[in-house]
């Protein structure tokens, strides 16, 4: 039975390998202090960030991270689904869909007017699911990095 629930402090040991797997998938990395700060933010009720764990057979097999923020286009907050990752052995078992649906449920309960996310154009496996649970916006992301 798949269970979706908010992170708790004891999840850190199981969360971090999935977080690192997500970063590796996108050929990226973050300094240890970013990982530490990110984890603390998930557990701080004053933060606009939260994370959910997908638990299957007593083991965390998927994670999702979100951030609520204001918008100039709505009086309600938006929910940005920033990171979504499932363990390889759990793929194809509905874990990612269940995490997305849990984000939808929580965002709606929090009064958000939208949930949105980005994915890399080469991530066609994920896009097959995303095309079933959301609409493509057609926007292209640009970014400028500092440092």
C-alpha atoms as a PDB file:
ATOM      1  CA  UNK A   1       0.000   0.000   0.000  1.00  0.00           C
ATOM      2  CA  UNK A   2       1.418   3.372  -1.049  1.00  0.00           C
ATOM      3  CA  UNK A   3       1.242   6.150   1.528  1.00  0.00           C
ATOM      4  CA  UNK A   4       1.959   9.827   0.838  1.00  0.00           C
ATOM      5  CA  UNK A   5       2.806  11.919   3.887  1.00  0.00           C
ATOM      6  CA  UNK A   6       4.740  15.052   4.906  1.00  0.00           C
ATOM      7  CA  UNK A   7       8.386  14.696   5.823  1.00  0.00           C
ATOM      8  CA  UNK A   8       9.273  14.132   9.459  1.00  0.00           C
ATOM      9  CA  UNK A   9      12.698  14.667  11.058  1.00  0.00           C
ATOM     10  CA  UNK A  10      13.453  10.922  11.015  1.00  0.00           C
ATOM     11  CA  UNK A  11      13.137  10.865   7.197  1.00  0.00           C
ATOM     12  CA  UNK A  12      16.446  12.644   6.612  1.00  0.00           C
ATOM     13  CA  UNK A  13      18.472   9.441   6.199  1.00  0.00           C
ATOM     14  CA  UNK A  14      16.049   8.061   3.582  1.00  0.00           C
ATOM     15  CA  UNK A  15      15.428  11.437   1.887  1.00  0.00           C
ATOM     16  CA  UNK A  16      19.031  12.334   1.169  1.00  0.00           C
ATOM     17  CA  UNK A  17      19.849   9.463  -1.253  1.00  0.00           C
ATOM     18  CA  UNK A  18      16.716  10.303  -3.250  1.00  0.00           C
ATOM     19  CA  UNK A  19      17.645  13.990  -3.239  1.00  0.00           C
ATOM     20  CA  UNK A  20      21.147  13.114  -4.440  1.00  0.00           C
ATOM     21  CA  UNK A  21      19.638  10.799  -7.072  1.00  0.00           C
ATOM     22  CA  UNK A  22      17.520  13.682  -8.343  1.00  0.00           C
ATOM     23  CA  UNK A  23      20.539  15.960  -8.558  1.00  0.00           C
ATOM     24  CA  UNK A  24      22.549  13.257 -10.325  1.00  0.00           C
ATOM     25  CA  UNK A  25      19.712  12.678 -12.819  1.00  0.00           C
ATOM     26  CA  UNK A  26      19.956  16.347 -13.781  1.00  0.00           C
ATOM     27  CA  UNK A  27      23.775  16.237 -13.765  1.00  0.00           C
ATOM     28  CA  UNK A  28      23.865  18.763 -10.962  1.00  0.00           C
ATOM     29  CA  UNK A  29      25.048  19.162  -7.400  1.00  0.00           C
ATOM     30  CA  UNK A  30      24.620  21.545  -4.504  1.00  0.00           C
ATOM     31  CA  UNK A  31      26.975  22.264  -1.611  1.00  0.00           C
ATOM     32  CA  UNK A  32      26.299  20.355   1.632  1.00  0.00           C
ATOM     33  CA  UNK A  33      25.124  23.545   3.358  1.00  0.00           C
ATOM     34  CA  UNK A  34      22.374  23.935   0.731  1.00  0.00           C
ATOM     35  CA  UNK A  35      21.191  20.384   1.369  1.00  0.00           C
ATOM     36  CA  UNK A  36      21.246  21.038   5.121  1.00  0.00           C
ATOM     37  CA  UNK A  37      19.322  24.305   4.806  1.00  0.00           C
ATOM     38  CA  UNK A  38      16.807  22.747   2.420  1.00  0.00           C
ATOM     39  CA  UNK A  39      16.087  19.909   4.844  1.00  0.00           C
ATOM     40  CA  UNK A  40      15.627  22.323   7.764  1.00  0.00           C
ATOM     41  CA  UNK A  41      13.211  24.402   5.697  1.00  0.00           C
ATOM     42  CA  UNK A  42      10.989  21.397   5.024  1.00  0.00           C
ATOM     43  CA  UNK A  43      10.538  20.906   8.759  1.00  0.00           C
ATOM     44  CA  UNK A  44       9.966  24.579   9.626  1.00  0.00           C
ATOM     45  CA  UNK A  45       6.241  25.431   9.615  1.00  0.00           C
ATOM     46  CA  UNK A  46       7.094  29.118   9.041  1.00  0.00           C
ATOM     47  CA  UNK A  47       8.707  28.306   5.675  1.00  0.00           C
ATOM     48  CA  UNK A  48       6.682  28.380   2.426  1.00  0.00           C
ATOM     49  CA  UNK A  49       8.380  25.088   1.426  1.00  0.00           C
ATOM     50  CA  UNK A  50       7.278  21.561   2.178  1.00  0.00           C
ATOM     51  CA  UNK A  51       8.123  18.047   1.129  1.00  0.00           C
ATOM     52  CA  UNK A  52       6.174  14.849   0.857  1.00  0.00           C
ATOM     53  CA  UNK A  53       7.409  11.277   1.037  1.00  0.00           C
ATOM     54  CA  UNK A  54       5.973   8.317  -0.860  1.00  0.00           C
ATOM     55  CA  UNK A  55       6.226   5.290   1.408  1.00  0.00           C
ATOM     56  CA  UNK A  56       5.877   1.786  -0.015  1.00  0.00           C
ATOM     57  CA  UNK A  57       6.299  -1.298   2.154  1.00  0.00           C
ATOM     58  CA  UNK A  58       7.657   0.883   4.960  1.00  0.00           C
ATOM     59  CA  UNK A  59      10.348   2.500   2.785  1.00  0.00           C
ATOM     60  CA  UNK A  60      10.513   5.982   1.253  1.00  0.00           C
ATOM     61  CA  UNK A  61      10.602   5.447  -2.518  1.00  0.00           C
ATOM     62  CA  UNK A  62       9.686   8.912  -3.770  1.00  0.00           C
ATOM     63  CA  UNK A  63       9.906  12.567  -2.823  1.00  0.00           C
ATOM     64  CA  UNK A  64       8.386  15.830  -3.931  1.00  0.00           C
ATOM     65  CA  UNK A  65       9.355  19.365  -2.892  1.00  0.00           C
ATOM     66  CA  UNK A  66       7.157  22.426  -3.312  1.00  0.00           C
ATOM     67  CA  UNK A  67       7.308  26.147  -2.664  1.00  0.00           C
ATOM     68  CA  UNK A  68       4.366  28.512  -2.264  1.00  0.00           C
ATOM     69  CA  UNK A  69       4.785  32.052  -3.559  1.00  0.00           C
ATOM     70  CA  UNK A  70       2.804  35.141  -4.439  1.00  0.00           C
ATOM     71  CA  UNK A  71       1.918  36.112  -7.985  1.00  0.00           C
ATOM     72  CA  UNK A  72       1.118  39.338  -9.756  1.00  0.00           C
ATOM     73  CA  UNK A  73      -1.552  37.430 -11.682  1.00  0.00           C
ATOM     74  CA  UNK A  74      -3.567  36.151  -8.734  1.00  0.00           C
ATOM     75  CA  UNK A  75      -4.538  37.105  -5.206  1.00  0.00           C
ATOM     76  CA  UNK A  76      -3.963  33.462  -4.237  1.00  0.00           C
ATOM     77  CA  UNK A  77      -0.524  31.901  -3.961  1.00  0.00           C
ATOM     78  CA  UNK A  78       0.950  29.634  -6.601  1.00  0.00           C
ATOM     79  CA  UNK A  79       2.454  26.277  -5.708  1.00  0.00           C
ATOM     80  CA  UNK A  80       5.685  25.519  -7.510  1.00  0.00           C
ATOM     81  CA  UNK A  81       6.451  21.806  -7.625  1.00  0.00           C
ATOM     82  CA  UNK A  82      10.215  22.141  -7.700  1.00  0.00           C
ATOM     83  CA  UNK A  83      11.550  18.591  -7.403  1.00  0.00           C
ATOM     84  CA  UNK A  84      10.003  15.160  -7.986  1.00  0.00           C
ATOM     85  CA  UNK A  85      11.946  11.916  -7.852  1.00  0.00           C
ATOM     86  CA  UNK A  86      11.217   8.232  -7.406  1.00  0.00           C
ATOM     87  CA  UNK A  87      13.607   5.400  -6.671  1.00  0.00           C
ATOM     88  CA  UNK A  88      14.358   3.341  -9.759  1.00  0.00           C
ATOM     89  CA  UNK A  89      12.739   0.201  -8.345  1.00  0.00           C
ATOM     90  CA  UNK A  90       9.488   2.106  -7.724  1.00  0.00           C
ATOM     91  CA  UNK A  91       9.115   3.611 -11.191  1.00  0.00           C
ATOM     92  CA  UNK A  92       6.067   2.641 -13.185  1.00  0.00           C
ATOM     93  CA  UNK A  93       4.101   1.866 -10.000  1.00  0.00           C
ATOM     94  CA  UNK A  94       2.125   5.119  -9.736  1.00  0.00           C
ATOM     95  CA  UNK A  95       4.410   6.773  -7.189  1.00  0.00           C
ATOM     96  CA  UNK A  96       5.047   9.979  -9.154  1.00  0.00           C
ATOM     97  CA  UNK A  97       1.368  10.363 -10.024  1.00  0.00           C
ATOM     98  CA  UNK A  98       0.386   9.858  -6.380  1.00  0.00           C
ATOM     99  CA  UNK A  99       2.910  12.502  -5.290  1.00  0.00           C
ATOM    100  CA  UNK A 100       1.599  14.997  -7.864  1.00  0.00           C
ATOM    101  CA  UNK A 101      -2.001  14.341  -6.845  1.00  0.00           C
ATOM    102  CA  UNK A 102      -1.050  14.842  -3.179  1.00  0.00           C
ATOM    103  CA  UNK A 103       0.523  18.182  -4.113  1.00  0.00           C
ATOM    104  CA  UNK A 104      -2.694  19.139  -5.918  1.00  0.00           C
ATOM    105  CA  UNK A 105      -4.779  18.189  -2.888  1.00  0.00           C
ATOM    106  CA  UNK A 106      -2.620  20.126  -0.454  1.00  0.00           C
ATOM    107  CA  UNK A 107      -2.337  23.184  -2.726  1.00  0.00           C
ATOM    108  CA  UNK A 108      -6.102  23.310  -3.166  1.00  0.00           C
ATOM    109  CA  UNK A 109      -6.612  23.016   0.602  1.00  0.00           C
ATOM    110  CA  UNK A 110      -4.104  25.850   1.121  1.00  0.00           C
ATOM    111  CA  UNK A 111      -6.018  28.077  -1.306  1.00  0.00           C
ATOM    112  CA  UNK A 112      -3.418  28.101  -4.099  1.00  0.00           C
ATOM    113  CA  UNK A 113      -4.723  29.013  -7.527  1.00  0.00           C
ATOM    114  CA  UNK A 114      -2.248  26.880  -9.466  1.00  0.00           C
ATOM    115  CA  UNK A 115       0.385  24.170  -9.257  1.00  0.00           C
ATOM    116  CA  UNK A 116       3.113  24.325 -11.870  1.00  0.00           C
ATOM    117  CA  UNK A 117       6.530  22.835 -12.573  1.00  0.00           C
ATOM    118  CA  UNK A 118       9.338  22.569 -15.096  1.00  0.00           C
ATOM    119  CA  UNK A 119      11.049  19.571 -16.577  1.00  0.00           C
ATOM    120  CA  UNK A 120      13.944  19.206 -18.943  1.00  0.00           C
ATOM    121  CA  UNK A 121      13.009  18.841 -22.592  1.00  0.00           C
ATOM    122  CA  UNK A 122      14.870  15.500 -22.711  1.00  0.00           C
ATOM    123  CA  UNK A 123      12.901  14.005 -19.801  1.00  0.00           C
ATOM    124  CA  UNK A 124      10.383  12.330 -22.093  1.00  0.00           C
ATOM    125  CA  UNK A 125       9.546   9.535 -19.650  1.00  0.00           C
ATOM    126  CA  UNK A 126       8.299  12.034 -17.076  1.00  0.00           C
ATOM    127  CA  UNK A 127       6.550  14.069 -19.756  1.00  0.00           C
ATOM    128  CA  UNK A 128       4.406  11.049 -20.649  1.00  0.00           C
ATOM    129  CA  UNK A 129       2.942  11.253 -17.129  1.00  0.00           C
ATOM    130  CA  UNK A 130       2.877  15.048 -16.932  1.00  0.00           C
ATOM    131  CA  UNK A 131       0.869  15.247 -20.160  1.00  0.00           C
ATOM    132  CA  UNK A 132      -1.813  13.133 -18.441  1.00  0.00           C
ATOM    133  CA  UNK A 133      -2.047  15.145 -15.212  1.00  0.00           C
ATOM    134  CA  UNK A 134      -1.457  18.747 -16.356  1.00  0.00           C
ATOM    135  CA  UNK A 135      -1.424  21.036 -19.380  1.00  0.00           C
ATOM    136  CA  UNK A 136       1.769  22.330 -20.983  1.00  0.00           C
ATOM    137  CA  UNK A 137       2.017  26.091 -20.670  1.00  0.00           C
ATOM    138  CA  UNK A 138       4.146  26.677 -23.752  1.00  0.00           C
ATOM    139  CA  UNK A 139       6.523  28.944 -21.852  1.00  0.00           C
ATOM    140  CA  UNK A 140      10.297  28.667 -22.166  1.00  0.00           C
ATOM    141  CA  UNK A 141      12.429  29.333 -19.119  1.00  0.00           C
ATOM    142  CA  UNK A 142      15.365  31.756 -19.210  1.00  0.00           C
ATOM    143  CA  UNK A 143      17.791  32.236 -16.356  1.00  0.00           C
ATOM    144  CA  UNK A 144      20.745  34.303 -15.300  1.00  0.00           C
ATOM    145  CA  UNK A 145      22.965  32.920 -12.561  1.00  0.00           C
ATOM    146  CA  UNK A 146      25.054  34.881 -10.088  1.00  0.00           C
ATOM    147  CA  UNK A 147      28.396  33.588  -8.846  1.00  0.00           C
END
